[in-house]
Amino acid sequence: VTPKTEWEKINGEEQSLASLATGYILPLAIVGAVCAFIGYGLIGFDTGFLGIRVKGTEWGLYEAISRLAASLIGFIVSAYVVDALAPTFKSEKNINKSAQLMAYSATASLVGSVFLILPSLAILALLCGLYGIYLMYLGIGPLKKTPEDQKIVYMIVAFVVYVVIVMILLFILHKILGSVFNVGLSNFSIG
């Protein structure tokens, strides 16, 4: 409700990257993965093309595992990259503060993943993720000690880094899991 004051409280906390990964990101990512499994595996979605409906346990497992792995690995990798970039933006290099920034900025996106339970509402999950940009902007100053004139650029770079890392991870996971779960045209049903 009051993210600006919340960042000050977070700044006073001592949390490690590992504790945030296992105690914060992982539980939220599991909820999103379960919702993705239900949405894509059991409910499905219409492609809008020739009455093709996509659903099946293979799709559900593919979506759930992809999202879970991308969320967790994306968080860890982006925290390290954002921390490594800190001196470039006259900011404090501190992996735990970088982890806090990335974890709590991702909260809206991770919570928004509950909308994946109905794949037709997936756009709402994306909109929740956009709120994370604002959260990151508010948190980058207190956590990383970023000067005011560097905040916007550092926030944009941190956001782009996170998106690129997640996209690369999803591409890799698509190649691996797509063949494991045989996700393809054979899993479409007409009707």
N, C-alpha and C. Protein backbone atom coordinates (compact mmCIF):
# COMPACT_ATOMS: atom_id res chain seq x y z
N VAL A 1 0.82 -1.20 0.00
CA VAL A 1 0.00 0.00 0.00
C VAL A 1 0.87 1.26 0.00
N THR A 2 1.98 1.22 0.73
CA THR A 2 2.90 2.37 0.78
C THR A 2 4.31 1.89 0.45
N PRO A 3 4.57 1.62 -0.83
CA PRO A 3 5.86 1.03 -1.19
C PRO A 3 7.07 1.90 -0.85
N LYS A 4 6.91 3.21 -0.91
CA LYS A 4 8.05 4.10 -0.64
C LYS A 4 8.55 3.93 0.79
N THR A 5 7.65 3.90 1.75
CA THR A 5 8.06 3.72 3.14
C THR A 5 8.48 2.28 3.41
N GLU A 6 7.91 1.36 2.66
CA GLU A 6 8.27 -0.06 2.85
C GLU A 6 9.73 -0.32 2.46
N TRP A 7 10.22 0.37 1.42
CA TRP A 7 11.61 0.20 1.01
C TRP A 7 12.57 0.62 2.12
N GLU A 8 12.20 1.64 2.89
CA GLU A 8 13.04 2.07 4.02
C GLU A 8 13.12 0.96 5.07
N LYS A 9 12.00 0.30 5.34
CA LYS A 9 11.98 -0.82 6.29
C LYS A 9 12.84 -1.97 5.75
N ILE A 10 12.67 -2.27 4.46
CA ILE A 10 13.43 -3.36 3.84
C ILE A 10 14.92 -3.07 3.92
N ASN A 11 15.30 -1.82 3.73
CA ASN A 11 16.70 -1.44 3.78
C ASN A 11 17.31 -1.74 5.16
N GLY A 12 16.51 -1.68 6.19
CA GLY A 12 17.00 -1.97 7.53
C GLY A 12 17.10 -3.46 7.84
N GLU A 13 16.56 -4.29 6.99
CA GLU A 13 16.60 -5.74 7.19
C GLU A 13 17.89 -6.33 6.64
N GLU A 14 18.33 -7.39 7.25
CA GLU A 14 19.48 -8.14 6.74
C GLU A 14 18.97 -9.46 6.18
N GLN A 15 18.98 -9.57 4.86
CA GLN A 15 18.57 -10.81 4.21
C GLN A 15 19.59 -11.16 3.16
N SER A 16 19.82 -12.45 3.01
CA SER A 16 20.79 -12.91 2.02
C SER A 16 20.08 -13.31 0.73
N LEU A 17 20.84 -13.39 -0.33
CA LEU A 17 20.30 -13.85 -1.60
C LEU A 17 19.69 -15.23 -1.44
N ALA A 18 20.37 -16.11 -0.72
CA ALA A 18 19.87 -17.48 -0.55
C ALA A 18 18.55 -17.51 0.23
N SER A 19 18.45 -16.71 1.28
CA SER A 19 17.22 -16.72 2.07
C SER A 19 16.05 -16.14 1.27
N LEU A 20 16.33 -15.13 0.45
CA LEU A 20 15.28 -14.57 -0.40
C LEU A 20 14.87 -15.56 -1.49
N ALA A 21 15.84 -16.27 -2.04
CA ALA A 21 15.53 -17.24 -3.10
C ALA A 21 14.64 -18.36 -2.57
N THR A 22 15.01 -18.91 -1.41
CA THR A 22 14.25 -20.05 -0.89
C THR A 22 13.04 -19.67 -0.06
N GLY A 23 13.11 -18.56 0.64
CA GLY A 23 12.02 -18.19 1.53
C GLY A 23 11.03 -17.20 0.98
N TYR A 24 11.35 -16.58 -0.14
CA TYR A 24 10.45 -15.56 -0.70
C TYR A 24 10.10 -15.85 -2.16
N ILE A 25 11.11 -15.89 -3.02
CA ILE A 25 10.87 -16.10 -4.46
C ILE A 25 10.29 -17.49 -4.72
N LEU A 26 10.90 -18.51 -4.16
CA LEU A 26 10.45 -19.88 -4.45
C LEU A 26 8.98 -20.11 -4.08
N PRO A 27 8.52 -19.75 -2.87
CA PRO A 27 7.09 -19.97 -2.58
C PRO A 27 6.16 -19.23 -3.53
N LEU A 28 6.49 -17.97 -3.84
CA LEU A 28 5.64 -17.22 -4.77
C LEU A 28 5.69 -17.82 -6.17
N ALA A 29 6.86 -18.27 -6.58
CA ALA A 29 6.99 -18.89 -7.91
C ALA A 29 6.24 -20.22 -7.97
N ILE A 30 6.21 -20.95 -6.87
CA ILE A 30 5.46 -22.22 -6.84
C ILE A 30 3.97 -21.96 -7.02
N VAL A 31 3.45 -20.93 -6.36
CA VAL A 31 2.03 -20.57 -6.52
C VAL A 31 1.75 -20.27 -7.99
N GLY A 32 2.60 -19.47 -8.62
CA GLY A 32 2.44 -19.15 -10.03
C GLY A 32 2.53 -20.39 -10.92
N ALA A 33 3.44 -21.29 -10.58
CA ALA A 33 3.60 -22.52 -11.36
C ALA A 33 2.36 -23.40 -11.25
N VAL A 34 1.80 -23.50 -10.06
CA VAL A 34 0.58 -24.30 -9.87
C VAL A 34 -0.57 -23.68 -10.66
N CYS A 35 -0.68 -22.36 -10.61
CA CYS A 35 -1.73 -21.69 -11.38
C CYS A 35 -1.52 -21.90 -12.89
N ALA A 36 -0.28 -21.83 -13.33
CA ALA A 36 0.02 -22.07 -14.75
C ALA A 36 -0.34 -23.50 -15.14
N PHE A 37 -0.03 -24.45 -14.27
CA PHE A 37 -0.38 -25.85 -14.58
C PHE A 37 -1.89 -26.01 -14.71
N ILE A 38 -2.63 -25.46 -13.75
CA ILE A 38 -4.09 -25.56 -13.81
C ILE A 38 -4.62 -24.87 -15.06
N GLY A 39 -4.12 -23.66 -15.29
CA GLY A 39 -4.62 -22.89 -16.43
C GLY A 39 -4.31 -23.51 -17.77
N TYR A 40 -3.06 -23.88 -17.98
CA TYR A 40 -2.66 -24.40 -19.29
C TYR A 40 -2.87 -25.91 -19.41
N GLY A 41 -2.82 -26.61 -18.28
CA GLY A 41 -2.96 -28.06 -18.33
C GLY A 41 -4.38 -28.55 -18.26
N LEU A 42 -5.20 -27.88 -17.45
CA LEU A 42 -6.56 -28.37 -17.22
C LEU A 42 -7.63 -27.51 -17.89
N ILE A 43 -7.45 -26.20 -17.88
CA ILE A 43 -8.45 -25.31 -18.45
C ILE A 43 -8.17 -25.03 -19.92
N GLY A 44 -6.94 -24.66 -20.23
CA GLY A 44 -6.56 -24.40 -21.61
C GLY A 44 -6.99 -23.02 -22.08
N PHE A 45 -6.68 -22.74 -23.33
CA PHE A 45 -7.04 -21.45 -23.91
C PHE A 45 -7.28 -21.61 -25.39
N ASP A 46 -8.14 -20.74 -25.92
CA ASP A 46 -8.42 -20.73 -27.35
C ASP A 46 -7.38 -19.87 -28.04
N THR A 47 -6.85 -20.37 -29.14
CA THR A 47 -5.86 -19.60 -29.89
C THR A 47 -6.52 -18.55 -30.77
N GLY A 48 -7.82 -18.71 -31.00
CA GLY A 48 -8.52 -17.78 -31.88
C GLY A 48 -8.32 -18.11 -33.35
N PHE A 49 -7.63 -19.21 -33.62
CA PHE A 49 -7.33 -19.58 -35.00
C PHE A 49 -7.93 -20.94 -35.29
N LEU A 50 -8.92 -20.99 -36.16
CA LEU A 50 -9.56 -22.24 -36.59
C LEU A 50 -10.13 -23.04 -35.43
N GLY A 51 -10.53 -22.38 -34.35
CA GLY A 51 -11.13 -23.08 -33.22
C GLY A 51 -10.17 -23.98 -32.48
N ILE A 52 -8.89 -23.70 -32.54
CA ILE A 52 -7.90 -24.55 -31.87
C ILE A 52 -7.82 -24.17 -30.40
N ARG A 53 -7.95 -25.16 -29.53
CA ARG A 53 -7.87 -24.98 -28.09
C ARG A 53 -6.61 -25.70 -27.60
N VAL A 54 -5.80 -24.99 -26.82
CA VAL A 54 -4.56 -25.56 -26.31
C VAL A 54 -4.77 -25.95 -24.86
N LYS A 55 -4.55 -27.20 -24.56
CA LYS A 55 -4.57 -27.66 -23.17
C LYS A 55 -4.02 -29.08 -23.13
N GLY A 56 -3.72 -29.54 -21.94
CA GLY A 56 -3.20 -30.88 -21.73
C GLY A 56 -2.15 -30.86 -20.64
N THR A 57 -1.96 -31.98 -19.99
CA THR A 57 -1.00 -32.02 -18.88
C THR A 57 0.41 -31.68 -19.35
N GLU A 58 0.73 -32.03 -20.59
CA GLU A 58 2.06 -31.68 -21.10
C GLU A 58 2.25 -30.17 -21.14
N TRP A 59 1.23 -29.47 -21.66
CA TRP A 59 1.30 -28.00 -21.70
C TRP A 59 1.37 -27.44 -20.29
N GLY A 60 0.57 -27.99 -19.40
CA GLY A 60 0.56 -27.52 -18.02
C GLY A 60 1.91 -27.70 -17.34
N LEU A 61 2.50 -28.88 -17.49
CA LEU A 61 3.82 -29.13 -16.90
C LEU A 61 4.89 -28.24 -17.53
N TYR A 62 4.81 -28.11 -18.84
CA TYR A 62 5.75 -27.25 -19.55
C TYR A 62 5.69 -25.81 -19.02
N GLU A 63 4.49 -25.26 -18.93
CA GLU A 63 4.32 -23.89 -18.44
C GLU A 63 4.75 -23.76 -16.98
N ALA A 64 4.36 -24.72 -16.15
CA ALA A 64 4.67 -24.65 -14.72
C ALA A 64 6.18 -24.71 -14.47
N ILE A 65 6.84 -25.67 -15.07
CA ILE A 65 8.28 -25.83 -14.86
C ILE A 65 9.05 -24.65 -15.46
N SER A 66 8.64 -24.22 -16.64
CA SER A 66 9.31 -23.07 -17.27
C SER A 66 9.22 -21.83 -16.40
N ARG A 67 8.05 -21.55 -15.91
CA ARG A 67 7.85 -20.34 -15.10
C ARG A 67 8.56 -20.44 -13.76
N LEU A 68 8.51 -21.60 -13.15
CA LEU A 68 9.19 -21.78 -11.86
C LEU A 68 10.69 -21.61 -12.01
N ALA A 69 11.27 -22.28 -12.99
CA ALA A 69 12.72 -22.21 -13.20
C ALA A 69 13.15 -20.81 -13.63
N ALA A 70 12.41 -20.19 -14.53
CA ALA A 70 12.77 -18.85 -14.99
C ALA A 70 12.67 -17.84 -13.86
N SER A 71 11.68 -17.97 -13.01
CA SER A 71 11.54 -17.04 -11.88
C SER A 71 12.70 -17.16 -10.91
N LEU A 72 13.03 -18.37 -10.53
CA LEU A 72 14.08 -18.58 -9.54
C LEU A 72 15.47 -18.28 -10.10
N ILE A 73 15.79 -18.86 -11.24
CA ILE A 73 17.11 -18.65 -11.84
C ILE A 73 17.25 -17.20 -12.31
N GLY A 74 16.18 -16.65 -12.87
CA GLY A 74 16.21 -15.25 -13.31
C GLY A 74 16.48 -14.30 -12.15
N PHE A 75 15.88 -14.57 -11.01
CA PHE A 75 16.11 -13.75 -9.82
C PHE A 75 17.59 -13.80 -9.42
N ILE A 76 18.13 -15.00 -9.32
CA ILE A 76 19.52 -15.17 -8.85
C ILE A 76 20.50 -14.51 -9.82
N VAL A 77 20.37 -14.81 -11.11
CA VAL A 77 21.30 -14.26 -12.10
C VAL A 77 21.18 -12.75 -12.17
N SER A 78 19.96 -12.24 -12.20
CA SER A 78 19.79 -10.78 -12.32
C SER A 78 20.29 -10.06 -11.08
N ALA A 79 20.16 -10.65 -9.90
CA ALA A 79 20.69 -10.02 -8.69
C ALA A 79 22.21 -9.85 -8.81
N TYR A 80 22.89 -10.87 -9.31
CA TYR A 80 24.35 -10.78 -9.49
C TYR A 80 24.72 -9.74 -10.56
N VAL A 81 23.98 -9.71 -11.66
CA VAL A 81 24.29 -8.76 -12.73
C VAL A 81 24.02 -7.33 -12.27
N VAL A 82 22.88 -7.11 -11.63
CA VAL A 82 22.55 -5.77 -11.13
C VAL A 82 23.58 -5.32 -10.11
N ASP A 83 24.05 -6.24 -9.28
CA ASP A 83 25.08 -5.89 -8.30
C ASP A 83 26.40 -5.56 -8.99
N ALA A 84 26.75 -6.31 -10.01
CA ALA A 84 28.00 -6.05 -10.73
C ALA A 84 27.94 -4.69 -11.45
N LEU A 85 26.76 -4.27 -11.87
CA LEU A 85 26.60 -2.99 -12.56
C LEU A 85 26.55 -1.80 -11.61
N ALA A 86 26.39 -2.02 -10.33
CA ALA A 86 26.20 -0.94 -9.36
C ALA A 86 27.24 0.17 -9.45
N PRO A 87 28.55 -0.14 -9.49
CA PRO A 87 29.54 0.95 -9.56
C PRO A 87 29.39 1.83 -10.80
N THR A 88 28.91 1.25 -11.89
CA THR A 88 28.70 2.02 -13.12
C THR A 88 27.72 3.16 -12.89
N PHE A 89 26.78 2.95 -11.96
CA PHE A 89 25.75 3.95 -11.68
C PHE A 89 25.96 4.62 -10.32
N LYS A 90 27.23 4.64 -9.89
CA LYS A 90 27.61 5.29 -8.63
C LYS A 90 26.79 4.77 -7.45
N SER A 91 26.51 3.47 -7.50
CA SER A 91 25.68 2.84 -6.48
C SER A 91 26.51 1.87 -5.66
N GLU A 92 25.95 1.49 -4.52
CA GLU A 92 26.63 0.58 -3.60
C GLU A 92 26.61 -0.85 -4.12
N LYS A 93 27.75 -1.48 -4.12
CA LYS A 93 27.85 -2.88 -4.53
C LYS A 93 27.63 -3.74 -3.29
N ASN A 94 26.48 -4.42 -3.25
CA ASN A 94 26.11 -5.25 -2.11
C ASN A 94 25.12 -6.29 -2.63
N ILE A 95 25.57 -7.52 -2.75
CA ILE A 95 24.74 -8.56 -3.37
C ILE A 95 23.42 -8.78 -2.63
N ASN A 96 23.44 -8.66 -1.31
CA ASN A 96 22.20 -8.88 -0.56
C ASN A 96 21.19 -7.77 -0.81
N LYS A 97 21.65 -6.53 -0.93
CA LYS A 97 20.75 -5.42 -1.25
C LYS A 97 20.25 -5.54 -2.69
N SER A 98 21.10 -6.00 -3.58
CA SER A 98 20.68 -6.23 -4.97
C SER A 98 19.61 -7.33 -5.00
N ALA A 99 19.81 -8.36 -4.20
CA ALA A 99 18.83 -9.45 -4.13
C ALA A 99 17.50 -8.93 -3.58
N GLN A 100 17.56 -8.08 -2.55
CA GLN A 100 16.33 -7.51 -2.03
C GLN A 100 15.62 -6.68 -3.09
N LEU A 101 16.37 -5.87 -3.80
CA LEU A 101 15.79 -5.03 -4.85
C LEU A 101 15.09 -5.89 -5.90
N MET A 102 15.77 -6.90 -6.37
CA MET A 102 15.20 -7.74 -7.43
C MET A 102 14.03 -8.58 -6.91
N ALA A 103 14.13 -9.10 -5.69
CA ALA A 103 13.06 -9.93 -5.14
C ALA A 103 11.78 -9.13 -4.92
N TYR A 104 11.92 -8.01 -4.24
CA TYR A 104 10.72 -7.25 -3.89
C TYR A 104 10.15 -6.49 -5.09
N SER A 105 10.98 -6.18 -6.06
CA SER A 105 10.47 -5.57 -7.29
C SER A 105 9.68 -6.59 -8.10
N ALA A 106 10.04 -7.85 -7.99
CA ALA A 106 9.35 -8.92 -8.72
C ALA A 106 8.06 -9.37 -8.04
N THR A 107 7.80 -8.87 -6.84
CA THR A 107 6.63 -9.32 -6.08
C THR A 107 5.34 -9.17 -6.87
N ALA A 108 5.11 -8.02 -7.45
CA ALA A 108 3.86 -7.79 -8.18
C ALA A 108 3.69 -8.80 -9.32
N SER A 109 4.77 -9.06 -10.03
CA SER A 109 4.73 -10.02 -11.12
C SER A 109 4.45 -11.43 -10.62
N LEU A 110 5.12 -11.80 -9.54
CA LEU A 110 4.94 -13.15 -8.99
C LEU A 110 3.52 -13.33 -8.44
N VAL A 111 3.02 -12.33 -7.76
CA VAL A 111 1.65 -12.40 -7.24
C VAL A 111 0.66 -12.39 -8.40
N GLY A 112 0.95 -11.58 -9.41
CA GLY A 112 0.07 -11.51 -10.58
C GLY A 112 -0.01 -12.80 -11.37
N SER A 113 0.93 -13.69 -11.16
CA SER A 113 0.91 -14.97 -11.88
C SER A 113 -0.27 -15.84 -11.48
N VAL A 114 -1.01 -15.48 -10.43
CA VAL A 114 -2.23 -16.22 -10.10
C VAL A 114 -3.25 -16.10 -11.23
N PHE A 115 -3.15 -15.05 -12.03
CA PHE A 115 -4.07 -14.88 -13.16
C PHE A 115 -3.85 -15.95 -14.22
N LEU A 116 -2.73 -16.66 -14.17
CA LEU A 116 -2.47 -17.71 -15.15
C LEU A 116 -3.41 -18.90 -14.96
N ILE A 117 -4.14 -18.92 -13.86
CA ILE A 117 -5.11 -19.99 -13.65
C ILE A 117 -6.19 -19.94 -14.74
N LEU A 118 -6.39 -18.76 -15.31
CA LEU A 118 -7.23 -18.60 -16.50
C LEU A 118 -6.36 -17.96 -17.56
N PRO A 119 -5.80 -18.76 -18.47
CA PRO A 119 -4.86 -18.22 -19.45
C PRO A 119 -5.35 -16.99 -20.21
N SER A 120 -6.65 -16.86 -20.35
CA SER A 120 -7.17 -15.68 -21.04
C SER A 120 -6.92 -14.40 -20.24
N LEU A 121 -6.58 -14.53 -18.95
CA LEU A 121 -6.27 -13.37 -18.11
C LEU A 121 -4.77 -13.15 -17.95
N ALA A 122 -3.97 -13.85 -18.72
CA ALA A 122 -2.51 -13.75 -18.59
C ALA A 122 -2.00 -12.33 -18.78
N ILE A 123 -2.71 -11.53 -19.55
CA ILE A 123 -2.30 -10.14 -19.76
C ILE A 123 -2.30 -9.37 -18.44
N LEU A 124 -3.17 -9.75 -17.51
CA LEU A 124 -3.19 -9.09 -16.20
C LEU A 124 -1.92 -9.39 -15.41
N ALA A 125 -1.38 -10.59 -15.60
CA ALA A 125 -0.10 -10.92 -14.96
C ALA A 125 1.01 -10.01 -15.50
N LEU A 126 0.97 -9.76 -16.78
CA LEU A 126 1.95 -8.85 -17.39
C LEU A 126 1.80 -7.44 -16.83
N LEU A 127 0.58 -6.97 -16.68
CA LEU A 127 0.35 -5.63 -16.13
C LEU A 127 0.85 -5.53 -14.69
N CYS A 128 0.68 -6.60 -13.93
CA CYS A 128 1.23 -6.62 -12.57
C CYS A 128 2.75 -6.48 -12.61
N GLY A 129 3.37 -7.13 -13.58
CA GLY A 129 4.81 -7.04 -13.74
C GLY A 129 5.27 -5.62 -14.04
N LEU A 130 4.46 -4.87 -14.77
CA LEU A 130 4.80 -3.49 -15.07
C LEU A 130 4.82 -2.63 -13.81
N TYR A 131 3.98 -2.97 -12.84
CA TYR A 131 4.00 -2.26 -11.56
C TYR A 131 5.34 -2.48 -10.86
N GLY A 132 5.96 -3.62 -11.14
CA GLY A 132 7.28 -3.92 -10.57
C GLY A 132 8.35 -2.92 -10.99
N ILE A 133 8.19 -2.31 -12.17
CA ILE A 133 9.13 -1.28 -12.62
C ILE A 133 9.07 -0.09 -11.66
N TYR A 134 7.87 0.30 -11.32
CA TYR A 134 7.68 1.40 -10.37
C TYR A 134 8.28 1.04 -9.00
N LEU A 135 8.02 -0.18 -8.58
CA LEU A 135 8.58 -0.63 -7.30
C LEU A 135 10.10 -0.59 -7.32
N MET A 136 10.69 -1.01 -8.43
CA MET A 136 12.15 -0.98 -8.55
C MET A 136 12.66 0.45 -8.49
N TYR A 137 11.98 1.35 -9.16
CA TYR A 137 12.39 2.76 -9.14
C TYR A 137 12.40 3.29 -7.70
N LEU A 138 11.38 2.95 -6.93
CA LEU A 138 11.31 3.42 -5.55
C LEU A 138 12.38 2.79 -4.67
N GLY A 139 12.75 1.55 -4.96
CA GLY A 139 13.69 0.83 -4.10
C GLY A 139 15.15 1.02 -4.43
N ILE A 140 15.44 1.43 -5.64
CA ILE A 140 16.84 1.49 -6.07
C ILE A 140 17.64 2.55 -5.30
N GLY A 141 16.99 3.62 -4.90
CA GLY A 141 17.66 4.67 -4.13
C GLY A 141 18.03 4.22 -2.73
N PRO A 142 17.04 3.79 -1.94
CA PRO A 142 17.35 3.38 -0.57
C PRO A 142 18.26 2.15 -0.47
N LEU A 143 18.04 1.16 -1.32
CA LEU A 143 18.80 -0.09 -1.19
C LEU A 143 20.20 0.00 -1.80
N LYS A 144 20.31 0.62 -2.94
CA LYS A 144 21.59 0.64 -3.65
C LYS A 144 22.34 1.96 -3.49
N LYS A 145 21.74 2.87 -2.74
CA LYS A 145 22.36 4.20 -2.50
C LYS A 145 22.68 4.89 -3.83
N THR A 146 21.74 4.76 -4.74
CA THR A 146 21.91 5.34 -6.07
C THR A 146 21.59 6.83 -6.04
N PRO A 147 22.50 7.66 -6.58
CA PRO A 147 22.21 9.10 -6.65
C PRO A 147 20.98 9.36 -7.51
N GLU A 148 20.28 10.42 -7.20
CA GLU A 148 19.03 10.76 -7.89
C GLU A 148 19.20 10.83 -9.41
N ASP A 149 20.32 11.39 -9.87
CA ASP A 149 20.53 11.53 -11.31
C ASP A 149 20.84 10.21 -12.02
N GLN A 150 21.09 9.15 -11.27
CA GLN A 150 21.41 7.84 -11.85
C GLN A 150 20.26 6.83 -11.71
N LYS A 151 19.25 7.16 -10.91
CA LYS A 151 18.18 6.21 -10.58
C LYS A 151 17.43 5.68 -11.80
N ILE A 152 16.99 6.57 -12.66
CA ILE A 152 16.17 6.14 -13.79
C ILE A 152 16.97 5.26 -14.74
N VAL A 153 18.18 5.65 -15.05
CA VAL A 153 18.99 4.87 -15.98
C VAL A 153 19.32 3.51 -15.38
N TYR A 154 19.72 3.49 -14.11
CA TYR A 154 20.05 2.23 -13.44
C TYR A 154 18.82 1.32 -13.37
N MET A 155 17.67 1.90 -13.07
CA MET A 155 16.43 1.12 -13.00
C MET A 155 16.09 0.54 -14.36
N ILE A 156 16.22 1.33 -15.41
CA ILE A 156 15.92 0.83 -16.76
C ILE A 156 16.87 -0.31 -17.12
N VAL A 157 18.16 -0.11 -16.85
CA VAL A 157 19.13 -1.16 -17.15
C VAL A 157 18.84 -2.41 -16.34
N ALA A 158 18.53 -2.25 -15.05
CA ALA A 158 18.23 -3.41 -14.20
C ALA A 158 16.99 -4.15 -14.71
N PHE A 159 15.98 -3.41 -15.10
CA PHE A 159 14.76 -4.03 -15.63
C PHE A 159 15.04 -4.77 -16.93
N VAL A 160 15.76 -4.12 -17.83
CA VAL A 160 16.09 -4.75 -19.12
C VAL A 160 16.94 -6.01 -18.89
N VAL A 161 17.89 -5.93 -17.97
CA VAL A 161 18.72 -7.09 -17.63
C VAL A 161 17.83 -8.25 -17.18
N TYR A 162 16.89 -7.96 -16.28
CA TYR A 162 16.01 -9.00 -15.78
C TYR A 162 15.18 -9.61 -16.91
N VAL A 163 14.58 -8.76 -17.74
CA VAL A 163 13.75 -9.25 -18.84
C VAL A 163 14.57 -10.09 -19.81
N VAL A 164 15.75 -9.62 -20.17
CA VAL A 164 16.60 -10.37 -21.11
C VAL A 164 17.00 -11.71 -20.51
N ILE A 165 17.38 -11.73 -19.25
CA ILE A 165 17.78 -12.98 -18.60
C ILE A 165 16.61 -13.96 -18.59
N VAL A 166 15.43 -13.48 -18.23
CA VAL A 166 14.26 -14.37 -18.21
C VAL A 166 13.92 -14.85 -19.61
N MET A 167 14.01 -13.99 -20.61
CA MET A 167 13.72 -14.40 -21.99
C MET A 167 14.71 -15.46 -22.47
N ILE A 168 15.98 -15.28 -22.15
CA ILE A 168 16.99 -16.28 -22.53
C ILE A 168 16.71 -17.60 -21.83
N LEU A 169 16.39 -17.52 -20.54
CA LEU A 169 16.06 -18.74 -19.79
C LEU A 169 14.83 -19.44 -20.37
N LEU A 170 13.81 -18.66 -20.69
CA LEU A 170 12.61 -19.27 -21.27
C LEU A 170 12.90 -19.89 -22.63
N PHE A 171 13.76 -19.26 -23.42
CA PHE A 171 14.15 -19.83 -24.72
C PHE A 171 14.85 -21.18 -24.51
N ILE A 172 15.80 -21.21 -23.59
CA ILE A 172 16.53 -22.45 -23.30
C ILE A 172 15.57 -23.51 -22.76
N LEU A 173 14.72 -23.11 -21.82
CA LEU A 173 13.76 -24.06 -21.26
C LEU A 173 12.78 -24.55 -22.31
N HIS A 174 12.39 -23.68 -23.23
CA HIS A 174 11.51 -24.08 -24.32
C HIS A 174 12.15 -25.18 -25.16
N LYS A 175 13.43 -24.99 -25.46
CA LYS A 175 14.13 -26.00 -26.27
C LYS A 175 14.21 -27.33 -25.53
N ILE A 176 14.50 -27.27 -24.24
CA ILE A 176 14.66 -28.50 -23.46
C ILE A 176 13.30 -29.13 -23.14
N LEU A 177 12.42 -28.35 -22.52
CA LEU A 177 11.14 -28.89 -22.08
C LEU A 177 10.17 -29.14 -23.22
N GLY A 178 10.29 -28.36 -24.29
CA GLY A 178 9.42 -28.58 -25.44
C GLY A 178 9.56 -29.98 -25.99
N SER A 179 10.80 -30.48 -26.03
CA SER A 179 11.01 -31.84 -26.53
C SER A 179 10.70 -32.89 -25.46
N VAL A 180 10.98 -32.57 -24.20
CA VAL A 180 10.69 -33.53 -23.12
C VAL A 180 9.20 -33.80 -23.01
N PHE A 181 8.40 -32.73 -23.06
CA PHE A 181 6.95 -32.88 -22.91
C PHE A 181 6.23 -32.97 -24.25
N ASN A 182 6.99 -33.00 -25.35
CA ASN A 182 6.41 -33.11 -26.67
C ASN A 182 5.31 -32.06 -26.88
N VAL A 183 5.63 -30.84 -26.49
CA VAL A 183 4.69 -29.75 -26.66
C VAL A 183 4.79 -29.28 -28.10
N GLY A 184 3.70 -29.47 -28.82
CA GLY A 184 3.68 -29.09 -30.23
C GLY A 184 2.27 -29.23 -30.79
N LEU A 185 2.16 -29.32 -32.07
CA LEU A 185 0.86 -29.37 -32.72
C LEU A 185 0.05 -30.58 -32.33
N SER A 186 0.69 -31.66 -31.93
CA SER A 186 -0.07 -32.86 -31.55
C SER A 186 -0.88 -32.64 -30.29
N ASN A 187 -0.61 -31.58 -29.55
CA ASN A 187 -1.33 -31.32 -28.31
C ASN A 187 -2.48 -30.35 -28.48
N PHE A 188 -2.76 -29.93 -29.70
CA PHE A 188 -3.90 -29.06 -29.95
C PHE A 188 -5.13 -29.92 -30.12
N SER A 189 -6.27 -29.41 -29.69
CA SER A 189 -7.52 -30.11 -29.94
C SER A 189 -8.47 -29.15 -30.63
N ILE A 190 -9.18 -29.64 -31.61
CA ILE A 190 -10.14 -28.82 -32.35
C ILE A 190 -11.48 -28.90 -31.62
N GLY A 191 -12.09 -27.71 -31.44
CA GLY A 191 -13.42 -27.78 -30.83
C GLY A 191 -13.77 -26.65 -29.99
